[in-house]
Every structure is written in C-alpha cells, then in structure tokens.
Amino acid sequence: MARRGVGIREMARDLGCSRNTVRRYLKDPNATRYRGRPPRPVKLDPFKAYLLERVAAATPDWIPAAVLYRELQERGYEGGLTQVKAFLVPHKRKAPEPVVRFETEPGRQMQADFTTIRRGRQRLLAFVASLGYSRASFVRFTDGEDFGTLRACLWEAFAFLGGVPHEVLFDNAKTVVLERDVYGPGRHRWHPGMLAFAEEMGFSPRLCRPYRAKTKGKVERFNGYLKGSFLVPLAATLKTSGLALDVASANRAVGRWLAEVANCRIHAETRERPCDRLQIEREVLLPLPRGALPATITTRRVVPLESLQHPLAVYQALLQESAP
C-alpha cells in the first residue's frame, strides 16, 4: 500500500489499527506480530474425544445432548449442559418436523403404533403405546407385526400401564382394519381378531386419518424420543464392542430405561412427569378382565447370535453403561 502512495492515515483506517502500528511495520517489516491468547482450558476438554467418538458411533443418527451429558456425568464431568450443547452444535443435524397433537382427558385414549427400527434379514421393530393424558409409555421390541404379536403387545401394555383405556388409536394397518368406511363414513370392516380382542378387553378401536399418521402426535413424538434417547446410545455402545442391536438386547434394556428415564422425566408439553400423571389416569382406566390370558410373542431368533460368542456378563455391563 505504501508503494502505491497510500498515506499512513488511510492505511490505518483500512487495516483497523493505529497510525503508530502502521509506522512501526513500515520501519521494520519483521516486527513481531500480535498473537492471540491461547484458549483457556474448560471442564469439557478431557471429554471432547469421548463426545466425538459417540457422535461418530451413532452416525447417521444423533444422540441428544442431554443423553450425552448424563453419560459424561457418570464419567466425572463437573461442567454444565450448556458447554456440551455448544460443543455439539457444529455436528448437529436438522431438527425433525413437528407433529400435531390433541389433548384428551384421563383414561380416554391410548395411541399405539409399530415403528420400524431396522429392515432386512435381522428386522427390528418397536411397538410403542402412549396414554393420551399422562404420556406414560410402554415399549416392546419384536421382529414382526402380525396380529398375534400386536395382540400380545397390547395386552402387555395394558398390564404395564395399569389398566385399559376407553379407546385405542391405531393407524390403518391390516392387522387392525381390513377396509375403511365400507359400511359408510366411520363404519369400518375391522380385523376379526382385533374386534374380538377389543370386546374382550373393553376398549373401542379408533383409526387415524389415512396418510395422516402424524395425527397420532403423542406416540409419533415418543418414537423419535425412543430412537434418540435409547436406541441410538445403546446401539453405539454395542457397536464399539463389536456387538449388534437386536430384539433380545433391546428388550433387556428398555424396561429400566422406561422406569428410570422415559416415564420419570419432565415432559416438554405437560411440564410434569408421566409417572405422576399416570397415578391420576390409573384411577379411571378400565381394569384388566379376569381370566384374560396374555398371548406369547414369538420371534424368529430367540437367542441373539452374539450371545453364543460373548458371556452374558458382557451384555449386562454394556446395558448398565448405556442406561441414562
């Protein structure tokens, strides 16, 4: 700039420094340049490698910052959640699309759904049931979604939640309804097994609108929470030890997660714990009918392949580590 005849005042203005600094560099081009202060150490520094490892192990899925924060606390981290969130921001992906929800009075409705976790030869599905008022939820992992499996999962959900709601909202699966509106608007041709089971248990089956599964907002939202807060961390933990997530390992860990995390957290919408609201809802749930026997859920592979190669103690240690 000096060679082009630019004055010191103009150079100082363009470079954002004082005129004395410009004069010093013009006299001595090798003058020592200002070096910024080294970054101050923070409490998260020793744990950053672990966070990056967990993010990489979960890819292409995402482990929520709150879950990773609990894992760090178990490893001695004494800092706050804000530092963890700030560190993860560059690695975070787009948030899921919001879903539509409808409020119901206690005991009125339960929403139930199968969600696919993994396709292929080693198929993995999760049956999820959530009560409309309390948001208390039940989860059972399977490798199929035939009517026998659906019936058994519903029975287990009613037993787990402490009673039967007045209605259960389903999507339009063939295990629930064979044909919609066949006898007129809202008059469906139900699956005979579902109709008999609903009469036996005392609930009325309901259907969400076709191609609008997200009207089951409570269970749809919980499906995302289940995947991010339970399945992805568990799968990442198993993966680092050379093991794979399957029906048996998922069911072995999910009961503790439901009891200690999912149903005891402060719910984002109600601002209350589902387990507390469930005490109110149980007062108006229908009792399980006497003499009703639960069906047995059969899977294509009862014993996980990995259990033939590793002692059960390995699984127990992994599941204890992954549980929040």
Protein backbone atom coordinates (compact mmCIF):
# COMPACT_ATOMS: atom_id res chain seq x y z
CA MET A 1 0.00 0.00 0.00
CA ALA A 2 2.89 2.34 0.78
CA ARG A 3 4.36 1.61 -2.64
CA ARG A 4 1.09 2.74 -4.23
CA GLY A 5 1.35 6.03 -2.40
CA VAL A 6 -1.33 5.34 0.20
CA GLY A 7 -0.93 7.55 3.24
CA ILE A 8 -0.43 6.29 6.80
CA ARG A 9 -3.80 7.64 7.92
CA GLU A 10 -5.63 5.81 5.12
CA MET A 11 -3.68 2.58 5.73
CA ALA A 12 -4.53 2.70 9.44
CA ARG A 13 -8.21 3.21 8.63
CA ASP A 14 -8.31 0.36 6.10
CA LEU A 15 -6.37 -2.05 8.31
CA GLY A 16 -8.21 -1.16 11.51
CA CYS A 17 -5.12 -0.32 13.54
CA SER A 18 -3.38 2.78 14.87
CA ARG A 19 -1.09 5.00 12.80
CA ASN A 20 1.80 4.18 15.16
CA THR A 21 1.35 0.48 14.36
CA VAL A 22 1.50 1.26 10.63
CA ARG A 23 4.67 3.32 11.11
CA ARG A 24 6.28 0.51 13.15
CA TYR A 25 5.65 -2.08 10.43
CA LEU A 26 6.84 0.28 7.70
CA LYS A 27 10.13 0.75 9.57
CA ASP A 28 10.52 -2.94 10.40
CA PRO A 29 8.58 -5.45 8.22
CA ASN A 30 9.77 -8.25 10.50
CA ALA A 31 8.26 -6.70 13.62
CA THR A 32 6.67 -9.20 15.99
CA ARG A 33 3.02 -9.66 15.16
CA TYR A 34 0.35 -9.89 17.84
CA ARG A 35 -0.56 -13.40 18.72
CA GLY A 36 -3.91 -14.11 20.28
CA ARG A 37 -4.14 -15.63 23.70
CA PRO A 38 -4.23 -19.41 23.80
CA PRO A 39 -7.71 -20.78 24.50
CA ARG A 40 -8.49 -21.16 28.17
CA PRO A 41 -8.96 -24.75 29.35
CA VAL A 42 -12.55 -25.71 30.16
CA LYS A 43 -14.01 -28.59 32.13
CA LEU A 44 -15.22 -30.24 28.94
CA ASP A 45 -11.75 -30.56 27.36
CA PRO A 46 -10.94 -34.06 28.72
CA PHE A 47 -14.29 -35.35 27.45
CA LYS A 48 -14.34 -33.91 23.92
CA ALA A 49 -12.73 -37.00 22.41
CA TYR A 50 -15.42 -39.17 24.03
CA LEU A 51 -18.18 -36.94 22.62
CA LEU A 52 -16.71 -37.13 19.13
CA GLU A 53 -16.43 -40.89 19.45
CA ARG A 54 -20.10 -41.17 20.47
CA VAL A 55 -21.21 -38.88 17.63
CA ALA A 56 -19.23 -40.96 15.12
CA ALA A 57 -20.56 -44.25 16.50
CA ALA A 58 -24.16 -43.03 16.25
CA THR A 59 -23.86 -41.65 12.70
CA PRO A 60 -26.10 -41.26 10.71
CA ASP A 61 -28.35 -40.94 13.79
CA TRP A 62 -27.98 -38.42 16.57
CA ILE A 63 -27.66 -38.75 20.35
CA PRO A 64 -29.32 -35.80 22.15
CA ALA A 65 -27.06 -33.52 24.18
CA ALA A 66 -28.99 -34.31 27.38
CA VAL A 67 -28.21 -38.02 26.99
CA LEU A 68 -24.52 -37.38 26.35
CA TYR A 69 -24.47 -35.01 29.32
CA ARG A 70 -25.70 -37.78 31.62
CA GLU A 71 -23.05 -40.11 30.23
CA LEU A 72 -20.34 -37.51 30.90
CA GLN A 73 -21.56 -37.01 34.47
CA GLU A 74 -21.14 -40.73 35.07
CA ARG A 75 -17.55 -40.33 33.88
CA GLY A 76 -16.74 -37.46 36.25
CA TYR A 77 -17.70 -34.39 34.22
CA GLU A 78 -18.49 -31.46 36.55
CA GLY A 79 -19.36 -28.80 33.98
CA GLY A 80 -22.76 -27.74 32.71
CA LEU A 81 -25.05 -28.86 29.90
CA THR A 82 -24.51 -25.56 28.05
CA GLN A 83 -20.87 -26.41 27.29
CA VAL A 84 -21.89 -29.80 25.92
CA LYS A 85 -24.58 -28.27 23.69
CA ALA A 86 -22.21 -25.58 22.38
CA PHE A 87 -19.56 -28.17 21.51
CA LEU A 88 -22.09 -30.34 19.65
CA VAL A 89 -23.64 -27.51 17.59
CA PRO A 90 -21.31 -27.91 14.57
CA HIS A 91 -22.16 -31.62 14.41
CA LYS A 92 -25.92 -31.36 14.88
CA ARG A 93 -28.36 -32.04 12.09
CA LYS A 94 -31.73 -30.55 11.20
CA ALA A 95 -34.49 -30.99 13.79
CA PRO A 96 -37.41 -33.29 12.88
CA GLU A 97 -40.67 -31.87 11.59
CA PRO A 98 -43.16 -31.04 14.39
CA VAL A 99 -46.26 -33.19 14.69
CA VAL A 100 -49.89 -32.43 15.51
CA ARG A 101 -51.18 -33.39 18.99
CA PHE A 102 -54.60 -33.48 20.63
CA GLU A 103 -55.24 -33.40 24.37
CA THR A 104 -57.52 -36.00 25.96
CA GLU A 105 -58.93 -36.44 29.45
CA PRO A 106 -57.52 -39.13 31.77
CA GLY A 107 -58.27 -42.69 30.73
CA ARG A 108 -59.81 -41.72 27.41
CA GLN A 109 -57.24 -42.71 24.82
CA MET A 110 -54.06 -44.66 24.17
CA GLN A 111 -52.13 -44.30 20.92
CA ALA A 112 -50.37 -47.41 19.64
CA ASP A 113 -48.06 -47.99 16.72
CA PHE A 114 -45.30 -50.18 15.31
CA THR A 115 -42.22 -48.25 14.22
CA THR A 116 -39.52 -49.82 12.07
CA ILE A 117 -36.04 -49.56 13.52
CA ARG A 118 -34.21 -51.77 11.02
CA ARG A 119 -35.27 -53.57 7.85
CA GLY A 120 -33.74 -56.58 6.19
CA ARG A 121 -33.00 -60.10 7.39
CA GLN A 122 -32.49 -59.06 11.02
CA ARG A 123 -35.62 -56.95 11.20
CA LEU A 124 -36.20 -54.87 14.30
CA LEU A 125 -39.47 -53.13 15.18
CA ALA A 126 -40.71 -51.36 18.27
CA PHE A 127 -44.31 -51.50 19.47
CA VAL A 128 -44.97 -48.21 21.27
CA ALA A 129 -48.08 -47.34 23.29
CA SER A 130 -48.62 -43.94 24.95
CA LEU A 131 -51.52 -42.82 27.13
CA GLY A 132 -53.00 -39.54 25.93
CA TYR A 133 -53.31 -37.76 29.26
CA SER A 134 -50.27 -38.84 31.25
CA ARG A 135 -47.91 -39.53 28.30
CA ALA A 136 -46.82 -42.68 30.15
CA SER A 137 -45.44 -45.09 27.56
CA PHE A 138 -44.72 -48.76 27.04
CA VAL A 139 -42.25 -50.29 24.54
CA ARG A 140 -41.82 -53.86 23.32
CA PHE A 141 -39.33 -54.81 20.59
CA THR A 142 -40.23 -57.51 18.06
CA ASP A 143 -39.19 -58.79 14.65
CA GLY A 144 -42.75 -58.93 13.29
CA GLU A 145 -46.07 -57.09 13.37
CA ASP A 146 -48.64 -59.81 12.70
CA PHE A 147 -51.92 -59.75 14.61
CA GLY A 148 -50.75 -62.24 17.25
CA THR A 149 -47.77 -60.02 18.04
CA LEU A 150 -49.96 -56.91 18.10
CA ARG A 151 -52.46 -58.55 20.47
CA ALA A 152 -49.71 -59.69 22.84
CA CYS A 153 -48.06 -56.25 22.82
CA LEU A 154 -51.37 -54.54 23.59
CA TRP A 155 -52.04 -56.90 26.49
CA GLU A 156 -48.55 -56.25 27.91
CA ALA A 157 -49.07 -52.50 27.51
CA PHE A 158 -52.37 -52.59 29.42
CA ALA A 159 -50.75 -54.62 32.20
CA PHE A 160 -47.72 -52.31 32.35
CA LEU A 161 -49.80 -49.11 32.44
CA GLY A 162 -52.24 -50.47 34.99
CA GLY A 163 -55.48 -50.76 33.05
CA VAL A 164 -57.34 -50.40 29.75
CA PRO A 165 -58.24 -47.01 28.19
CA HIS A 166 -61.66 -46.40 26.71
CA GLU A 167 -60.25 -46.24 23.18
CA VAL A 168 -57.04 -47.09 21.34
CA LEU A 169 -55.98 -45.07 18.30
CA PHE A 170 -54.25 -47.04 15.53
CA ASP A 171 -53.04 -46.38 12.03
CA ASN A 172 -54.65 -48.24 9.13
CA ALA A 173 -52.67 -51.49 9.29
CA LYS A 174 -54.32 -54.69 8.02
CA THR A 175 -53.93 -56.23 11.47
CA VAL A 176 -56.39 -53.59 12.70
CA VAL A 177 -58.78 -52.79 9.86
CA LEU A 178 -59.44 -54.70 6.64
CA GLU A 179 -61.34 -51.92 4.86
CA ARG A 180 -62.23 -48.37 5.86
CA ASP A 181 -65.73 -46.87 5.53
CA VAL A 182 -67.04 -49.99 3.82
CA TYR A 183 -70.42 -49.66 5.57
CA GLY A 184 -70.49 -45.86 5.43
CA PRO A 185 -68.38 -42.99 6.81
CA GLY A 186 -66.64 -44.13 10.00
CA ARG A 187 -68.09 -47.66 9.73
CA HIS A 188 -65.14 -49.92 9.03
CA ARG A 189 -64.62 -53.59 8.42
CA TRP A 190 -62.36 -54.45 11.34
CA HIS A 191 -59.92 -57.32 11.54
CA PRO A 192 -61.97 -60.05 13.27
CA GLY A 193 -59.23 -60.76 15.79
CA MET A 194 -58.95 -57.08 16.70
CA LEU A 195 -62.72 -56.76 17.07
CA ALA A 196 -62.84 -59.79 19.39
CA PHE A 197 -59.86 -58.61 21.43
CA ALA A 198 -61.30 -55.10 21.81
CA GLU A 199 -64.59 -56.55 23.07
CA GLU A 200 -62.75 -58.86 25.47
CA MET A 201 -60.65 -56.03 26.94
CA GLY A 202 -63.37 -53.37 26.85
CA PHE A 203 -61.83 -50.70 24.59
CA SER A 204 -63.02 -49.22 21.30
CA PRO A 205 -60.57 -49.23 18.38
CA ARG A 206 -60.17 -45.92 16.53
CA LEU A 207 -58.34 -45.07 13.32
CA CYS A 208 -56.29 -42.03 12.40
CA ARG A 209 -56.99 -40.40 9.06
CA PRO A 210 -55.42 -42.13 6.03
CA TYR A 211 -51.98 -40.81 5.12
CA ARG A 212 -52.06 -38.67 8.25
CA ALA A 213 -50.24 -40.92 10.73
CA LYS A 214 -48.84 -37.84 12.43
CA THR A 215 -52.28 -37.14 13.90
CA LYS A 216 -51.10 -39.76 16.41
CA GLY A 217 -48.83 -37.00 17.65
CA LYS A 218 -48.09 -38.33 21.13
CA VAL A 219 -46.87 -41.75 20.03
CA GLU A 220 -45.12 -40.34 16.94
CA ARG A 221 -43.17 -37.90 19.08
CA PHE A 222 -42.29 -40.64 21.55
CA ASN A 223 -41.00 -42.77 18.66
CA GLY A 224 -38.42 -40.09 17.94
CA TYR A 225 -37.55 -39.78 21.62
CA LEU A 226 -37.17 -43.57 21.91
CA LYS A 227 -34.78 -43.67 18.99
CA GLY A 228 -32.65 -40.70 20.01
CA SER A 229 -32.51 -41.23 23.77
CA PHE A 230 -32.47 -45.02 23.98
CA LEU A 231 -31.80 -46.91 20.77
CA VAL A 232 -29.03 -44.79 19.27
CA PRO A 233 -26.95 -44.63 22.50
CA LEU A 234 -27.45 -48.35 23.12
CA ALA A 235 -26.56 -49.28 19.54
CA ALA A 236 -23.47 -47.06 19.68
CA THR A 237 -22.34 -48.72 22.91
CA LEU A 238 -22.84 -52.21 21.49
CA LYS A 239 -21.12 -51.22 18.23
CA THR A 240 -17.93 -50.09 19.98
CA SER A 241 -17.70 -53.59 21.50
CA GLY A 242 -18.35 -55.39 18.23
CA LEU A 243 -21.95 -56.30 19.09
CA ALA A 244 -25.19 -55.59 17.24
CA LEU A 245 -28.52 -54.32 18.50
CA ASP A 246 -31.27 -56.94 18.25
CA VAL A 247 -34.68 -57.78 19.74
CA ALA A 248 -33.29 -59.52 22.82
CA SER A 249 -30.71 -56.89 23.74
CA ALA A 250 -33.18 -54.04 23.22
CA ASN A 251 -35.89 -55.67 25.36
CA ARG A 252 -33.32 -56.47 28.03
CA ALA A 253 -32.51 -52.78 28.48
CA VAL A 254 -35.77 -50.96 27.73
CA GLY A 255 -37.58 -51.79 30.99
CA ARG A 256 -35.05 -49.97 33.12
CA TRP A 257 -35.00 -47.03 30.70
CA LEU A 258 -38.80 -46.71 30.83
CA ALA A 259 -38.84 -46.84 34.64
CA GLU A 260 -35.88 -44.56 35.34
CA VAL A 261 -35.83 -42.14 32.40
CA ALA A 262 -38.70 -42.03 29.91
CA ASN A 263 -41.63 -42.12 32.34
CA CYS A 264 -39.87 -40.11 35.05
CA ARG A 265 -38.58 -37.16 33.02
CA ILE A 266 -40.28 -33.77 32.99
CA HIS A 267 -42.38 -33.89 29.84
CA ALA A 268 -41.80 -30.95 27.49
CA GLU A 269 -45.52 -30.29 26.95
CA THR A 270 -47.19 -31.10 30.27
CA ARG A 271 -44.24 -29.87 32.39
CA GLU A 272 -44.95 -32.83 34.67
CA ARG A 273 -43.56 -36.35 34.99
CA PRO A 274 -45.61 -39.01 33.14
CA CYS A 275 -45.32 -41.36 36.15
CA ASP A 276 -47.02 -38.74 38.37
CA ARG A 277 -49.85 -38.10 35.92
CA LEU A 278 -50.22 -41.87 35.45
CA GLN A 279 -51.33 -42.17 39.09
CA ILE A 280 -54.28 -39.92 38.24
CA GLU A 281 -55.01 -41.70 34.98
CA ARG A 282 -54.98 -45.17 36.56
CA GLU A 283 -57.97 -44.17 38.69
CA VAL A 284 -60.17 -44.08 35.58
CA LEU A 285 -58.62 -46.84 33.45
CA LEU A 286 -60.75 -49.94 32.97
CA PRO A 287 -59.47 -52.98 34.91
CA LEU A 288 -57.97 -55.91 33.08
CA PRO A 289 -60.68 -58.56 32.66
CA ARG A 290 -60.39 -61.55 34.95
CA GLY A 291 -59.30 -64.71 33.27
CA ALA A 292 -57.81 -62.92 30.27
CA LEU A 293 -54.52 -64.54 29.37
CA PRO A 294 -51.71 -62.75 27.55
CA ALA A 295 -50.54 -64.12 24.24
CA THR A 296 -46.93 -65.14 23.75
CA ILE A 297 -44.78 -63.15 21.38
CA THR A 298 -42.68 -65.40 19.19
CA THR A 299 -39.57 -64.21 17.41
CA ARG A 300 -37.67 -65.79 14.56
CA ARG A 301 -34.45 -65.86 16.60
CA VAL A 302 -34.94 -66.25 20.33
CA VAL A 303 -31.26 -66.31 21.32
CA PRO A 304 -29.15 -63.47 19.89
CA LEU A 305 -26.28 -64.71 17.77
CA GLU A 306 -23.82 -62.60 19.75
CA SER A 307 -24.72 -64.40 22.98
CA LEU A 308 -23.13 -67.53 21.56
CA GLN A 309 -19.84 -65.67 21.33
CA HIS A 310 -19.84 -63.48 24.46
CA PRO A 311 -20.81 -64.22 28.10
CA LEU A 312 -24.00 -62.61 29.41
CA ALA A 313 -21.89 -60.50 31.79
CA VAL A 314 -20.66 -58.56 28.76
CA TYR A 315 -24.23 -57.66 27.83
CA GLN A 316 -25.09 -56.68 31.39
CA ALA A 317 -22.10 -54.35 31.62
CA LEU A 318 -22.90 -52.75 28.29
CA LEU A 319 -26.54 -52.21 29.14
CA GLN A 320 -25.70 -50.70 32.52
CA GLU A 321 -23.29 -48.33 30.83
CA SER A 322 -25.81 -47.28 28.19
CA ALA A 323 -28.74 -46.74 30.55
CA PRO A 324 -29.12 -43.00 31.42
